Amino acid sequence: MNIRHVLITGGTGKVGQRLVEGFSHAGWQVTLTSRSQERAEDFARELQMSTGASIQGIGVELDRPGGPSRLVQLLRQKALLPDCLINNTRDRENLGLDEQGKPVADGWQKEFHLNVVVAYELVMELAAVPGGRLRSVINVASMYGVVAPNIRLYENPDKESPIHYGVCKAALIHLTKELSVRLASKGIRVNAISYGGIEGRTSKEFVGKYSELCPQGRMLSDTDIVGPALFLADESAAGVTGHNLVADGGWSVW
């Protein structure tokens, strides 16, 4: 049986960990990245011991000059070239706001670079590898790349909802469409997933407000994260490309 291999960037974050766990349980070989080599290896080792799955952890700072290229070189050296790439890396520090609620310093540039430029560079590096295996790319976007925030959700919208987060996710969604066209001749599908709010880092008051504004009456749970990604990664979705799969409990419907 041909074991499929997925590369998940940002694999030690909240969403990344769930994706790593989900794909490993589904029988995929997994390589995850993190800014910290120690954190990447520790999480990979812990999960491998509990599941018996094949998981590799790599420490790399993808937003540094040449980061995507260095990662691909490592993957080639270790014979870990993936069938599927999930662009999930992020840095919450890029979302810092000043006293007026505006992005701090070069937050705009850093957030756009990590979300869009790094994603683009990594896809193109992998697509250019002679004899490469890449067949599916999944970009992790957000419902705020589809619709603007509902200000009724926040006590102080300017300081609680960074404007550059949604703008950069919208750009990532359009990058998805561009790449789906440009890489179709190589047999590479490119899709995005726009997740809604995920429970776990918010107060009870916030969860209550969110639930009142969402058709399903709840935030997403950890178990809602993996299914959309497994679908888009699988060969059964061979006809799906250039699509933004919205998994937000209906938030963006009204």
Protein backbone atom coordinates (compact mmCIF):
# COMPACT_ATOMS: atom_id res chain seq x y z
CA MET A 1 0.00 0.00 0.00
CA ASN A 2 1.34 3.46 -0.92
CA ILE A 3 1.52 5.54 2.28
CA ARG A 4 0.54 9.14 1.65
CA HIS A 5 2.65 11.89 3.16
CA VAL A 6 1.45 15.30 4.35
CA LEU A 7 3.54 18.33 5.33
CA ILE A 8 1.81 20.55 7.90
CA THR A 9 3.45 23.89 8.66
CA GLY A 10 2.76 25.40 12.06
CA GLY A 11 2.14 21.89 13.31
CA THR A 12 2.51 22.66 17.02
CA GLY A 13 -0.15 25.39 17.17
CA LYS A 14 -3.79 24.87 18.15
CA VAL A 15 -5.05 24.06 14.64
CA GLY A 16 -1.79 22.45 13.57
CA GLN A 17 -1.80 19.92 16.39
CA ARG A 18 -5.32 18.80 15.54
CA LEU A 19 -4.37 18.42 11.88
CA VAL A 20 -1.27 16.41 12.73
CA GLU A 21 -3.28 14.13 15.01
CA GLY A 22 -6.11 13.75 12.49
CA PHE A 23 -3.90 12.87 9.53
CA SER A 24 -1.76 10.48 11.55
CA HIS A 25 -4.87 8.65 12.81
CA ALA A 26 -6.06 8.45 9.19
CA GLY A 27 -2.90 6.58 8.23
CA TRP A 28 -0.89 9.39 6.66
CA GLN A 29 2.82 9.85 7.20
CA VAL A 30 3.18 13.33 8.72
CA THR A 31 5.95 15.92 8.73
CA LEU A 32 5.27 18.97 10.84
CA THR A 33 7.16 22.22 11.20
CA SER A 34 7.52 24.62 14.10
CA ARG A 35 9.72 27.62 14.83
CA SER A 36 11.31 25.53 17.59
CA GLN A 37 13.17 22.34 16.70
CA GLU A 38 12.72 21.11 20.27
CA ARG A 39 8.97 21.74 20.26
CA ALA A 40 8.59 20.09 16.84
CA GLU A 41 10.51 16.99 17.87
CA ASP A 42 8.85 16.70 21.29
CA PHE A 43 5.32 16.86 19.86
CA ALA A 44 6.18 14.43 17.05
CA ARG A 45 7.76 12.00 19.51
CA GLU A 46 4.86 12.20 21.96
CA LEU A 47 2.26 11.57 19.28
CA GLN A 48 4.29 8.83 17.63
CA MET A 49 4.55 6.98 20.94
CA SER A 50 0.80 7.15 21.52
CA THR A 51 -0.32 6.33 17.97
CA GLY A 52 2.54 4.40 16.38
CA ALA A 53 2.23 6.67 13.35
CA SER A 54 5.17 7.92 11.31
CA ILE A 55 5.68 11.56 12.34
CA GLN A 56 8.68 13.81 11.81
CA GLY A 57 9.23 17.24 13.39
CA ILE A 58 11.35 19.95 11.77
CA GLY A 59 12.28 23.30 13.26
CA VAL A 60 12.36 26.11 10.70
CA GLU A 61 11.58 29.83 10.61
CA LEU A 62 9.73 30.05 7.32
CA ASP A 63 9.43 33.83 7.39
CA ARG A 64 13.19 34.29 7.36
CA PRO A 65 14.82 34.94 3.95
CA GLY A 66 15.18 31.61 2.15
CA GLY A 67 13.11 29.76 4.76
CA PRO A 68 10.89 27.82 2.32
CA SER A 69 13.89 26.87 0.20
CA ARG A 70 15.80 25.56 3.21
CA LEU A 71 12.80 23.50 4.29
CA VAL A 72 12.46 21.89 0.86
CA GLN A 73 16.18 21.09 0.84
CA LEU A 74 15.77 19.34 4.21
CA LEU A 75 12.75 17.41 2.95
CA ARG A 76 14.71 16.22 -0.06
CA GLN A 77 17.67 15.16 2.06
CA LYS A 78 15.41 13.23 4.43
CA ALA A 79 13.28 11.71 1.63
CA LEU A 80 10.20 13.42 3.07
CA LEU A 81 8.74 15.11 0.00
CA PRO A 82 4.96 15.33 0.55
CA ASP A 83 1.92 14.39 -1.50
CA CYS A 84 -0.02 17.11 0.32
CA LEU A 85 1.04 20.47 1.76
CA ILE A 86 -1.04 22.28 4.39
CA ASN A 87 0.01 25.91 4.78
CA ASN A 88 -0.93 26.60 8.39
CA THR A 89 2.00 28.51 9.86
CA ARG A 90 1.25 31.73 11.74
CA ASP A 91 2.77 34.13 14.27
CA ARG A 92 0.35 35.76 16.71
CA GLU A 93 2.90 38.49 17.43
CA ASN A 94 2.22 39.89 13.96
CA LEU A 95 -1.30 40.75 15.14
CA GLY A 96 -0.21 43.15 17.87
CA LEU A 97 -2.11 46.47 18.04
CA ASP A 98 -1.18 49.89 19.40
CA GLU A 99 -3.27 52.06 21.74
CA GLN A 100 -5.43 53.23 18.83
CA GLY A 101 -6.10 49.69 17.66
CA LYS A 102 -3.82 49.94 14.64
CA PRO A 103 -1.31 47.21 13.69
CA VAL A 104 2.02 47.84 15.41
CA ALA A 105 5.18 48.74 13.49
CA ASP A 106 5.53 46.44 10.48
CA GLY A 107 2.68 44.11 11.49
CA TRP A 108 0.96 44.51 8.12
CA GLN A 109 4.08 43.48 6.21
CA LYS A 110 4.96 40.58 8.51
CA GLU A 111 1.43 39.15 8.51
CA PHE A 112 1.12 39.40 4.73
CA HIS A 113 4.58 37.92 4.21
CA LEU A 114 3.92 34.90 6.42
CA ASN A 115 0.35 34.25 5.24
CA VAL A 116 0.74 34.88 1.54
CA VAL A 117 4.34 35.19 0.37
CA VAL A 118 5.69 32.26 2.40
CA ALA A 119 2.74 30.09 1.36
CA TYR A 120 3.38 30.97 -2.28
CA GLU A 121 7.12 30.35 -2.07
CA LEU A 122 6.74 26.99 -0.36
CA VAL A 123 4.17 25.76 -2.88
CA MET A 124 6.33 26.83 -5.82
CA GLU A 125 9.49 25.30 -4.32
CA LEU A 126 7.76 21.95 -3.86
CA ALA A 127 6.09 22.10 -7.27
CA ALA A 128 9.48 22.64 -8.93
CA VAL A 129 11.20 19.59 -7.39
CA PRO A 130 12.09 17.15 -10.19
CA GLY A 131 10.04 14.01 -9.68
CA GLY A 132 8.19 15.64 -6.77
CA ARG A 133 5.07 14.03 -5.34
CA LEU A 134 2.99 17.12 -4.58
CA ARG A 135 -0.64 16.69 -5.67
CA SER A 136 -2.69 18.70 -3.18
CA VAL A 137 -2.20 22.03 -1.42
CA ILE A 138 -4.49 23.27 1.37
CA ASN A 139 -4.20 26.85 2.61
CA VAL A 140 -5.65 27.48 6.07
CA ALA A 141 -7.67 30.68 5.79
CA SER A 142 -10.51 32.11 7.90
CA MET A 143 -14.13 33.19 7.72
CA TYR A 144 -12.72 36.71 8.21
CA GLY A 145 -11.13 36.34 4.80
CA VAL A 146 -14.67 35.92 3.45
CA VAL A 147 -16.69 38.41 5.52
CA ALA A 148 -15.78 41.35 7.74
CA PRO A 149 -16.02 40.89 11.53
CA ASN A 150 -19.36 41.47 13.21
CA ILE A 151 -18.48 44.29 15.61
CA ARG A 152 -21.29 43.23 17.99
CA LEU A 153 -19.10 40.29 18.96
CA TYR A 154 -16.47 42.48 20.57
CA GLU A 155 -16.38 44.89 23.51
CA ASN A 156 -13.70 46.92 21.72
CA PRO A 157 -13.58 45.90 18.03
CA ASP A 158 -10.58 48.07 17.15
CA LYS A 159 -8.41 46.43 19.80
CA GLU A 160 -9.85 42.91 19.77
CA SER A 161 -10.13 42.28 16.02
CA PRO A 162 -6.89 43.07 14.11
CA ILE A 163 -7.85 44.42 10.70
CA HIS A 164 -4.80 42.95 8.94
CA TYR A 165 -5.71 39.39 9.96
CA GLY A 166 -8.79 39.20 7.73
CA VAL A 167 -7.26 41.23 4.90
CA CYS A 168 -4.29 38.84 4.69
CA LYS A 169 -6.55 35.78 4.84
CA ALA A 170 -8.58 37.23 1.96
CA ALA A 171 -5.35 37.56 -0.01
CA LEU A 172 -4.51 33.93 0.81
CA ILE A 173 -7.88 32.82 -0.55
CA HIS A 174 -7.21 34.64 -3.81
CA LEU A 175 -3.69 33.18 -3.96
CA THR A 176 -5.40 29.79 -3.73
CA LYS A 177 -7.41 30.55 -6.86
CA GLU A 178 -4.39 31.88 -8.75
CA LEU A 179 -2.26 28.84 -7.93
CA SER A 180 -5.05 26.40 -8.78
CA VAL A 181 -4.98 27.73 -12.34
CA ARG A 182 -1.22 28.03 -12.68
CA LEU A 183 -0.45 24.56 -11.28
CA ALA A 184 -3.31 22.61 -12.86
CA SER A 185 -1.08 21.42 -15.71
CA LYS A 186 1.25 19.85 -13.14
CA GLY A 187 -1.62 17.85 -11.65
CA ILE A 188 -1.56 19.87 -8.42
CA ARG A 189 -4.84 20.88 -6.81
CA VAL A 190 -4.90 24.00 -4.62
CA ASN A 191 -7.74 24.70 -2.18
CA ALA A 192 -8.37 26.67 1.01
CA ILE A 193 -10.33 26.13 4.20
CA SER A 194 -11.94 29.10 5.93
CA TYR A 195 -12.55 28.05 9.50
CA GLY A 196 -14.86 29.86 11.88
CA GLY A 197 -14.05 30.66 15.50
CA ILE A 198 -12.64 27.71 17.42
CA GLU A 199 -13.38 27.30 21.11
CA GLY A 200 -10.61 27.07 23.66
CA ARG A 201 -8.99 30.49 23.94
CA THR A 202 -12.02 32.60 24.73
CA SER A 203 -14.09 33.57 27.77
CA LYS A 204 -17.55 32.19 28.49
CA GLU A 205 -18.97 35.62 27.68
CA PHE A 206 -17.35 35.59 24.25
CA VAL A 207 -18.57 32.05 23.54
CA GLY A 208 -22.09 33.12 24.47
CA LYS A 209 -22.05 36.14 22.17
CA TYR A 210 -20.54 34.14 19.31
CA SER A 211 -23.11 31.38 19.71
CA GLU A 212 -25.99 33.88 19.48
CA LEU A 213 -24.60 35.24 16.20
CA CYS A 214 -23.90 31.86 14.54
CA PRO A 215 -26.59 29.72 12.84
CA GLN A 216 -25.33 26.52 14.50
CA GLY A 217 -25.36 28.28 17.86
CA ARG A 218 -21.80 27.33 18.77
CA MET A 219 -18.12 27.80 18.07
CA LEU A 220 -16.19 25.10 16.24
CA SER A 221 -14.68 22.35 18.37
CA ASP A 222 -11.33 20.64 17.82
CA THR A 223 -13.15 17.74 16.18
CA ASP A 224 -14.47 20.06 13.44
CA ILE A 225 -10.99 20.94 12.18
CA VAL A 226 -9.75 17.75 10.55
CA GLY A 227 -12.62 16.55 8.34
CA PRO A 228 -12.51 19.35 5.73
CA ALA A 229 -8.73 18.95 5.36
CA LEU A 230 -8.90 15.17 4.97
CA PHE A 231 -11.55 15.60 2.28
CA LEU A 232 -9.53 18.10 0.25
CA ALA A 233 -6.32 16.06 0.62
CA ASP A 234 -7.87 12.82 -0.56
CA GLU A 235 -7.92 11.61 -4.14
CA SER A 236 -11.70 11.38 -3.89
CA ALA A 237 -11.66 15.19 -4.20
CA ALA A 238 -9.71 15.02 -7.45
CA GLY A 239 -12.15 17.35 -9.20
CA VAL A 240 -11.99 20.03 -6.50
CA THR A 241 -9.48 22.83 -7.03
CA GLY A 242 -9.50 26.59 -6.58
CA HIS A 243 -12.18 26.14 -3.92
CA ASN A 244 -12.50 27.84 -0.55
CA LEU A 245 -14.26 25.36 1.73
CA VAL A 246 -16.02 27.38 4.43
CA ALA A 247 -16.28 25.52 7.74
CA ASP A 248 -17.77 28.16 10.03
CA GLY A 249 -21.02 26.73 11.37
CA GLY A 250 -22.93 29.01 9.00
CA TRP A 251 -21.41 32.25 10.32
CA SER A 252 -20.86 33.77 6.88
CA VAL A 253 -24.30 32.77 5.58
CA TRP A 254 -26.06 35.71 7.25
